[in-house]
Amino acid sequence: MIEAKTDDKIQAIVRLVAKTLDLPEDELGPDSCMDNTPSWDSVEHMNICLSFQQQFGVKLTMDMIAATSVRELAAFIP
């Protein structure tokens, strides 16, 4: 049950990042991050953070903004 919930959160972040970066969802996965996704630069990361806040209603803290991977961002979905 917990695994499915985690998978759903990861998929939600994959959709959000794909939409923000204008990439097909199948090009991203749980391990996608700034280091292995060329179009995910610092400017796009701020756009991802803004989209995250809007979509999930979570105000990101500085620690949360430092999360630069799909898996890390998924952990912050309530």
PDB file of N, CA and C in Angstrom:
ATOM      1  N   MET A   1       0.828  -1.191   0.000  1.00  0.00           N
ATOM      2  CA  MET A   1       0.000   0.000   0.000  1.00  0.00           C
ATOM      3  C   MET A   1       0.871   1.253   0.000  1.00  0.00           C
ATOM      4  N   ILE A   2       1.875   1.297   0.849  1.00  0.00           N
ATOM      5  CA  ILE A   2       2.776   2.453   0.902  1.00  0.00           C
ATOM      6  C   ILE A   2       3.531   2.587  -0.413  1.00  0.00           C
ATOM      7  N   GLU A   3       3.921   1.444  -0.994  1.00  0.00           N
ATOM      8  CA  GLU A   3       4.661   1.462  -2.264  1.00  0.00           C
ATOM      9  C   GLU A   3       3.827   2.115  -3.369  1.00  0.00           C
ATOM     10  N   ALA A   4       2.546   1.779  -3.443  1.00  0.00           N
ATOM     11  CA  ALA A   4       1.670   2.355  -4.468  1.00  0.00           C
ATOM     12  C   ALA A   4       1.544   3.857  -4.277  1.00  0.00           C
ATOM     13  N   LYS A   5       1.414   4.295  -3.036  1.00  0.00           N
ATOM     14  CA  LYS A   5       1.285   5.725  -2.760  1.00  0.00           C
ATOM     15  C   LYS A   5       2.564   6.458  -3.191  1.00  0.00           C
ATOM     16  N   THR A   6       3.713   5.879  -2.902  1.00  0.00           N
ATOM     17  CA  THR A   6       4.996   6.468  -3.300  1.00  0.00           C
ATOM     18  C   THR A   6       5.095   6.510  -4.821  1.00  0.00           C
ATOM     19  N   ASP A   7       4.698   5.428  -5.484  1.00  0.00           N
ATOM     20  CA  ASP A   7       4.732   5.389  -6.951  1.00  0.00           C
ATOM     21  C   ASP A   7       3.827   6.467  -7.548  1.00  0.00           C
ATOM     22  N   ASP A   8       2.657   6.677  -6.941  1.00  0.00           N
ATOM     23  CA  ASP A   8       1.734   7.711  -7.419  1.00  0.00           C
ATOM     24  C   ASP A   8       2.359   9.098  -7.281  1.00  0.00           C
ATOM     25  N   LYS A   9       3.042   9.334  -6.173  1.00  0.00           N
ATOM     26  CA  LYS A   9       3.692  10.629  -5.960  1.00  0.00           C
ATOM     27  C   LYS A   9       4.819  10.836  -6.965  1.00  0.00           C
ATOM     28  N   ILE A  10       5.596   9.798  -7.195  1.00  0.00           N
ATOM     29  CA  ILE A  10       6.688   9.890  -8.170  1.00  0.00           C
ATOM     30  C   ILE A  10       6.121  10.172  -9.552  1.00  0.00           C
ATOM     31  N   GLN A  11       5.044   9.487  -9.920  1.00  0.00           N
ATOM     32  CA  GLN A  11       4.447   9.711 -11.236  1.00  0.00           C
ATOM     33  C   GLN A  11       3.902  11.135 -11.350  1.00  0.00           C
ATOM     34  N   ALA A  12       3.355  11.668 -10.263  1.00  0.00           N
ATOM     35  CA  ALA A  12       2.848  13.044 -10.276  1.00  0.00           C
ATOM     36  C   ALA A  12       3.992  14.025 -10.522  1.00  0.00           C
ATOM     37  N   ILE A  13       5.151  13.780  -9.921  1.00  0.00           N
ATOM     38  CA  ILE A  13       6.304  14.661 -10.137  1.00  0.00           C
ATOM     39  C   ILE A  13       6.857  14.479 -11.547  1.00  0.00           C
ATOM     40  N   VAL A  14       6.882  13.258 -12.035  1.00  0.00           N
ATOM     41  CA  VAL A  14       7.320  13.029 -13.420  1.00  0.00           C
ATOM     42  C   VAL A  14       6.451  13.845 -14.372  1.00  0.00           C
ATOM     43  N   ARG A  15       5.128  13.821 -14.184  1.00  0.00           N
ATOM     44  CA  ARG A  15       4.221  14.600 -15.044  1.00  0.00           C
ATOM     45  C   ARG A  15       4.524  16.092 -14.936  1.00  0.00           C
ATOM     46  N   LEU A  16       4.705  16.571 -13.701  1.00  0.00           N
ATOM     47  CA  LEU A  16       4.968  17.990 -13.471  1.00  0.00           C
ATOM     48  C   LEU A  16       6.282  18.417 -14.139  1.00  0.00           C
ATOM     49  N   VAL A  17       7.336  17.650 -13.933  1.00  0.00           N
ATOM     50  CA  VAL A  17       8.645  17.986 -14.512  1.00  0.00           C
ATOM     51  C   VAL A  17       8.585  17.896 -16.036  1.00  0.00           C
ATOM     52  N   ALA A  18       7.950  16.861 -16.557  1.00  0.00           N
ATOM     53  CA  ALA A  18       7.835  16.710 -18.012  1.00  0.00           C
ATOM     54  C   ALA A  18       7.101  17.899 -18.620  1.00  0.00           C
ATOM     55  N   LYS A  19       6.006  18.305 -17.997  1.00  0.00           N
ATOM     56  CA  LYS A  19       5.250  19.443 -18.515  1.00  0.00           C
ATOM     57  C   LYS A  19       6.089  20.721 -18.443  1.00  0.00           C
ATOM     58  N   THR A  20       6.771  20.937 -17.327  1.00  0.00           N
ATOM     59  CA  THR A  20       7.571  22.144 -17.144  1.00  0.00           C
ATOM     60  C   THR A  20       8.730  22.203 -18.134  1.00  0.00           C
ATOM     61  N   LEU A  21       9.373  21.060 -18.357  1.00  0.00           N
ATOM     62  CA  LEU A  21      10.531  21.018 -19.247  1.00  0.00           C
ATOM     63  C   LEU A  21      10.150  20.740 -20.700  1.00  0.00           C
ATOM     64  N   ASP A  22       8.858  20.561 -20.953  1.00  0.00           N
ATOM     65  CA  ASP A  22       8.356  20.243 -22.280  1.00  0.00           C
ATOM     66  C   ASP A  22       9.036  18.987 -22.834  1.00  0.00           C
ATOM     67  N   LEU A  23       9.005  17.934 -22.019  1.00  0.00           N
ATOM     68  CA  LEU A  23       9.568  16.633 -22.387  1.00  0.00           C
ATOM     69  C   LEU A  23       8.479  15.574 -22.331  1.00  0.00           C
ATOM     70  N   PRO A  24       8.624  14.501 -23.106  1.00  0.00           N
ATOM     71  CA  PRO A  24       7.706  13.375 -22.953  1.00  0.00           C
ATOM     72  C   PRO A  24       7.922  12.725 -21.583  1.00  0.00           C
ATOM     73  N   GLU A  25       6.823  12.301 -20.948  1.00  0.00           N
ATOM     74  CA  GLU A  25       6.931  11.692 -19.625  1.00  0.00           C
ATOM     75  C   GLU A  25       7.815  10.453 -19.632  1.00  0.00           C
ATOM     76  N   ASP A  26       7.825   9.710 -20.735  1.00  0.00           N
ATOM     77  CA  ASP A  26       8.607   8.473 -20.767  1.00  0.00           C
ATOM     78  C   ASP A  26      10.117   8.719 -20.805  1.00  0.00           C
ATOM     79  N   GLU A  27      10.532   9.964 -20.920  1.00  0.00           N
ATOM     80  CA  GLU A  27      11.964  10.291 -20.859  1.00  0.00           C
ATOM     81  C   GLU A  27      12.432  10.521 -19.425  1.00  0.00           C
ATOM     82  N   LEU A  28      11.492  10.528 -18.484  1.00  0.00           N
ATOM     83  CA  LEU A  28      11.817  10.782 -17.081  1.00  0.00           C
ATOM     84  C   LEU A  28      11.410   9.591 -16.226  1.00  0.00           C
ATOM     85  N   GLY A  29      12.043   9.489 -15.068  1.00  0.00           N
ATOM     86  CA  GLY A  29      11.709   8.423 -14.123  1.00  0.00           C
ATOM     87  C   GLY A  29      12.053   8.857 -12.717  1.00  0.00           C
ATOM     88  N   PRO A  30      11.952   7.942 -11.765  1.00  0.00           N
ATOM     89  CA  PRO A  30      12.202   8.274 -10.358  1.00  0.00           C
ATOM     90  C   PRO A  30      13.608   8.816 -10.102  1.00  0.00           C
ATOM     91  N   ASP A  31      14.567   8.400 -10.924  1.00  0.00           N
ATOM     92  CA  ASP A  31      15.953   8.821 -10.714  1.00  0.00           C
ATOM     93  C   ASP A  31      16.355  10.025 -11.563  1.00  0.00           C
ATOM     94  N   SER A  32      15.407  10.606 -12.276  1.00  0.00           N
ATOM     95  CA  SER A  32      15.716  11.808 -13.063  1.00  0.00           C
ATOM     96  C   SER A  32      16.023  12.964 -12.125  1.00  0.00           C
ATOM     97  N   CYS A  33      17.018  13.753 -12.511  1.00  0.00           N
ATOM     98  CA  CYS A  33      17.442  14.870 -11.663  1.00  0.00           C
ATOM     99  C   CYS A  33      18.160  15.908 -12.526  1.00  0.00           C
ATOM    100  N   MET A  34      18.594  16.980 -11.873  1.00  0.00           N
ATOM    101  CA  MET A  34      19.323  18.025 -12.596  1.00  0.00           C
ATOM    102  C   MET A  34      20.609  17.489 -13.231  1.00  0.00           C
ATOM    103  N   ASP A  35      21.236  16.517 -12.580  1.00  0.00           N
ATOM    104  CA  ASP A  35      22.512  16.001 -13.068  1.00  0.00           C
ATOM    105  C   ASP A  35      22.388  15.147 -14.323  1.00  0.00           C
ATOM    106  N   ASN A  36      21.227  14.517 -14.540  1.00  0.00           N
ATOM    107  CA  ASN A  36      21.113  13.609 -15.680  1.00  0.00           C
ATOM    108  C   ASN A  36      20.016  14.011 -16.672  1.00  0.00           C
ATOM    109  N   THR A  37      19.456  15.204 -16.498  1.00  0.00           N
ATOM    110  CA  THR A  37      18.425  15.703 -17.411  1.00  0.00           C
ATOM    111  C   THR A  37      18.899  17.065 -17.929  1.00  0.00           C
ATOM    112  N   PRO A  38      19.483  17.092 -19.128  1.00  0.00           N
ATOM    113  CA  PRO A  38      20.128  18.313 -19.634  1.00  0.00           C
ATOM    114  C   PRO A  38      19.258  19.572 -19.600  1.00  0.00           C
ATOM    115  N   SER A  39      17.978  19.460 -19.860  1.00  0.00           N
ATOM    116  CA  SER A  39      17.144  20.667 -19.882  1.00  0.00           C
ATOM    117  C   SER A  39      16.727  21.134 -18.489  1.00  0.00           C
ATOM    118  N   TRP A  40      17.047  20.363 -17.454  1.00  0.00           N
ATOM    119  CA  TRP A  40      16.710  20.713 -16.068  1.00  0.00           C
ATOM    120  C   TRP A  40      17.871  21.528 -15.486  1.00  0.00           C
ATOM    121  N   ASP A  41      17.889  22.804 -15.823  1.00  0.00           N
ATOM    122  CA  ASP A  41      18.936  23.694 -15.310  1.00  0.00           C
ATOM    123  C   ASP A  41      18.382  24.484 -14.122  1.00  0.00           C
ATOM    124  N   SER A  42      19.153  25.429 -13.622  1.00  0.00           N
ATOM    125  CA  SER A  42      18.745  26.166 -12.419  1.00  0.00           C
ATOM    126  C   SER A  42      17.500  27.020 -12.647  1.00  0.00           C
ATOM    127  N   VAL A  43      17.372  27.596 -13.823  1.00  0.00           N
ATOM    128  CA  VAL A  43      16.182  28.404 -14.118  1.00  0.00           C
ATOM    129  C   VAL A  43      14.952  27.501 -14.194  1.00  0.00           C
ATOM    130  N   GLU A  44      15.072  26.384 -14.899  1.00  0.00           N
ATOM    131  CA  GLU A  44      13.955  25.452 -14.998  1.00  0.00           C
ATOM    132  C   GLU A  44      13.622  24.843 -13.635  1.00  0.00           C
ATOM    133  N   HIS A  45      14.627  24.680 -12.797  1.00  0.00           N
ATOM    134  CA  HIS A  45      14.353  24.154 -11.453  1.00  0.00           C
ATOM    135  C   HIS A  45      13.449  25.111 -10.680  1.00  0.00           C
ATOM    136  N   MET A  46      13.673  26.396 -10.815  1.00  0.00           N
ATOM    137  CA  MET A  46      12.796  27.362 -10.145  1.00  0.00           C
ATOM    138  C   MET A  46      11.376  27.276 -10.716  1.00  0.00           C
ATOM    139  N   ASN A  47      11.256  27.061 -12.019  1.00  0.00           N
ATOM    140  CA  ASN A  47       9.939  26.878 -12.629  1.00  0.00           C
ATOM    141  C   ASN A  47       9.263  25.610 -12.099  1.00  0.00           C
ATOM    142  N   ILE A  48      10.044  24.546 -11.940  1.00  0.00           N
ATOM    143  CA  ILE A  48       9.516  23.299 -11.368  1.00  0.00           C
ATOM    144  C   ILE A  48       9.029  23.557  -9.940  1.00  0.00           C
ATOM    145  N   CYS A  49       9.808  24.287  -9.161  1.00  0.00           N
ATOM    146  CA  CYS A  49       9.425  24.599  -7.778  1.00  0.00           C
ATOM    147  C   CYS A  49       8.135  25.416  -7.730  1.00  0.00           C
ATOM    148  N   LEU A  50       8.010  26.394  -8.610  1.00  0.00           N
ATOM    149  CA  LEU A  50       6.791  27.204  -8.665  1.00  0.00           C
ATOM    150  C   LEU A  50       5.591  26.347  -9.050  1.00  0.00           C
ATOM    151  N   SER A  51       5.757  25.484 -10.026  1.00  0.00           N
ATOM    152  CA  SER A  51       4.675  24.590 -10.439  1.00  0.00           C
ATOM    153  C   SER A  51       4.302  23.641  -9.312  1.00  0.00           C
ATOM    154  N   PHE A  52       5.304  23.151  -8.590  1.00  0.00           N
ATOM    155  CA  PHE A  52       5.070  22.257  -7.454  1.00  0.00           C
ATOM    156  C   PHE A  52       4.194  22.951  -6.415  1.00  0.00           C
ATOM    157  N   GLN A  53       4.562  24.187  -6.075  1.00  0.00           N
ATOM    158  CA  GLN A  53       3.797  24.937  -5.076  1.00  0.00           C
ATOM    159  C   GLN A  53       2.353  25.135  -5.533  1.00  0.00           C
ATOM    160  N   GLN A  54       2.157  25.471  -6.798  1.00  0.00           N
ATOM    161  CA  GLN A  54       0.815  25.707  -7.325  1.00  0.00           C
ATOM    162  C   GLN A  54      -0.006  24.422  -7.365  1.00  0.00           C
ATOM    163  N   GLN A  55       0.598  23.357  -7.823  1.00  0.00           N
ATOM    164  CA  GLN A  55      -0.136  22.111  -7.991  1.00  0.00           C
ATOM    165  C   GLN A  55      -0.465  21.430  -6.668  1.00  0.00           C
ATOM    166  N   PHE A  56       0.463  21.450  -5.728  1.00  0.00           N
ATOM    167  CA  PHE A  56       0.273  20.694  -4.491  1.00  0.00           C
ATOM    168  C   PHE A  56      -0.049  21.572  -3.286  1.00  0.00           C
ATOM    169  N   GLY A  57      -0.050  22.890  -3.469  1.00  0.00           N
ATOM    170  CA  GLY A  57      -0.396  23.783  -2.372  1.00  0.00           C
ATOM    171  C   GLY A  57       0.583  23.742  -1.218  1.00  0.00           C
ATOM    172  N   VAL A  58       1.829  23.447  -1.536  1.00  0.00           N
ATOM    173  CA  VAL A  58       2.881  23.354  -0.520  1.00  0.00           C
ATOM    174  C   VAL A  58       3.857  24.494  -0.736  1.00  0.00           C
ATOM    175  N   LYS A  59       4.068  25.293   0.278  1.00  0.00           N
ATOM    176  CA  LYS A  59       5.062  26.359   0.187  1.00  0.00           C
ATOM    177  C   LYS A  59       6.430  25.733   0.458  1.00  0.00           C
ATOM    178  N   LEU A  60       7.294  25.815  -0.527  1.00  0.00           N
ATOM    179  CA  LEU A  60       8.611  25.190  -0.397  1.00  0.00           C
ATOM    180  C   LEU A  60       9.547  26.005   0.483  1.00  0.00           C
ATOM    181  N   THR A  61      10.257  25.305   1.335  1.00  0.00           N
ATOM    182  CA  THR A  61      11.297  25.927   2.157  1.00  0.00           C
ATOM    183  C   THR A  61      12.617  25.861   1.378  1.00  0.00           C
ATOM    184  N   MET A  62      13.643  26.488   1.898  1.00  0.00           N
ATOM    185  CA  MET A  62      14.953  26.441   1.228  1.00  0.00           C
ATOM    186  C   MET A  62      15.461  25.000   1.139  1.00  0.00           C
ATOM    187  N   ASP A  63      15.229  24.205   2.170  1.00  0.00           N
ATOM    188  CA  ASP A  63      15.642  22.795   2.121  1.00  0.00           C
ATOM    189  C   ASP A  63      14.911  22.052   1.014  1.00  0.00           C
ATOM    190  N   MET A  64      13.637  22.372   0.844  1.00  0.00           N
ATOM    191  CA  MET A  64      12.852  21.709  -0.173  1.00  0.00           C
ATOM    192  C   MET A  64      13.289  22.145  -1.570  1.00  0.00           C
ATOM    193  N   ILE A  65      13.652  23.398  -1.723  1.00  0.00           N
ATOM    194  CA  ILE A  65      14.120  23.883  -3.026  1.00  0.00           C
ATOM    195  C   ILE A  65      15.423  23.194  -3.420  1.00  0.00           C
ATOM    196  N   ALA A  66      16.183  22.750  -2.433  1.00  0.00           N
ATOM    197  CA  ALA A  66      17.434  22.043  -2.709  1.00  0.00           C
ATOM    198  C   ALA A  66      17.193  20.631  -3.254  1.00  0.00           C
ATOM    199  N   ALA A  67      15.944  20.167  -3.226  1.00  0.00           N
ATOM    200  CA  ALA A  67      15.604  18.848  -3.770  1.00  0.00           C
ATOM    201  C   ALA A  67      15.615  18.936  -5.292  1.00  0.00           C
ATOM    202  N   THR A  68      16.574  18.290  -5.909  1.00  0.00           N
ATOM    203  CA  THR A  68      16.754  18.435  -7.357  1.00  0.00           C
ATOM    204  C   THR A  68      16.556  17.124  -8.113  1.00  0.00           C
ATOM    205  N   SER A  69      15.712  16.245  -7.579  1.00  0.00           N
ATOM    206  CA  SER A  69      15.397  15.006  -8.287  1.00  0.00           C
ATOM    207  C   SER A  69      13.913  14.708  -8.149  1.00  0.00           C
ATOM    208  N   VAL A  70      13.426  13.886  -9.043  1.00  0.00           N
ATOM    209  CA  VAL A  70      12.025  13.479  -8.995  1.00  0.00           C
ATOM    210  C   VAL A  70      11.724  12.826  -7.658  1.00  0.00           C
ATOM    211  N   ARG A  71      12.563  11.896  -7.241  1.00  0.00           N
ATOM    212  CA  ARG A  71      12.339  11.158  -5.994  1.00  0.00           C
ATOM    213  C   ARG A  71      12.324  12.098  -4.777  1.00  0.00           C
ATOM    214  N   GLU A  72      13.256  13.039  -4.740  1.00  0.00           N
ATOM    215  CA  GLU A  72      13.311  13.985  -3.606  1.00  0.00           C
ATOM    216  C   GLU A  72      12.078  14.874  -3.566  1.00  0.00           C
ATOM    217  N   LEU A  73      11.648  15.374  -4.713  1.00  0.00           N
ATOM    218  CA  LEU A  73      10.465  16.240  -4.757  1.00  0.00           C
ATOM    219  C   LEU A  73       9.206  15.457  -4.372  1.00  0.00           C
ATOM    220  N   ALA A  74       9.114  14.211  -4.813  1.00  0.00           N
ATOM    221  CA  ALA A  74       7.938  13.386  -4.488  1.00  0.00           C
ATOM    222  C   ALA A  74       7.780  13.225  -2.980  1.00  0.00           C
ATOM    223  N   ALA A  75       8.881  13.206  -2.262  1.00  0.00           N
ATOM    224  CA  ALA A  75       8.822  13.030  -0.806  1.00  0.00           C
ATOM    225  C   ALA A  75       8.119  14.196  -0.118  1.00  0.00           C
ATOM    226  N   PHE A  76       8.004  15.332  -0.786  1.00  0.00           N
ATOM    227  CA  PHE A  76       7.376  16.509  -0.188  1.00  0.00           C
ATOM    228  C   PHE A  76       5.888  16.657  -0.503  1.00  0.00           C
ATOM    229  N   ILE A  77       5.337  15.733  -1.300  1.00  0.00           N
ATOM    230  CA  ILE A  77       3.906  15.773  -1.583  1.00  0.00           C
ATOM    231  C   ILE A  77       3.170  15.292  -0.342  1.00  0.00           C
ATOM    232  N   PRO A  78       2.203  16.090   0.117  1.00  0.00           N
ATOM    233  CA  PRO A  78       1.479  15.681   1.338  1.00  0.00           C
ATOM    234  C   PRO A  78       0.655  14.416   1.125  1.00  0.00           C
TER     235      PRO A  78
END
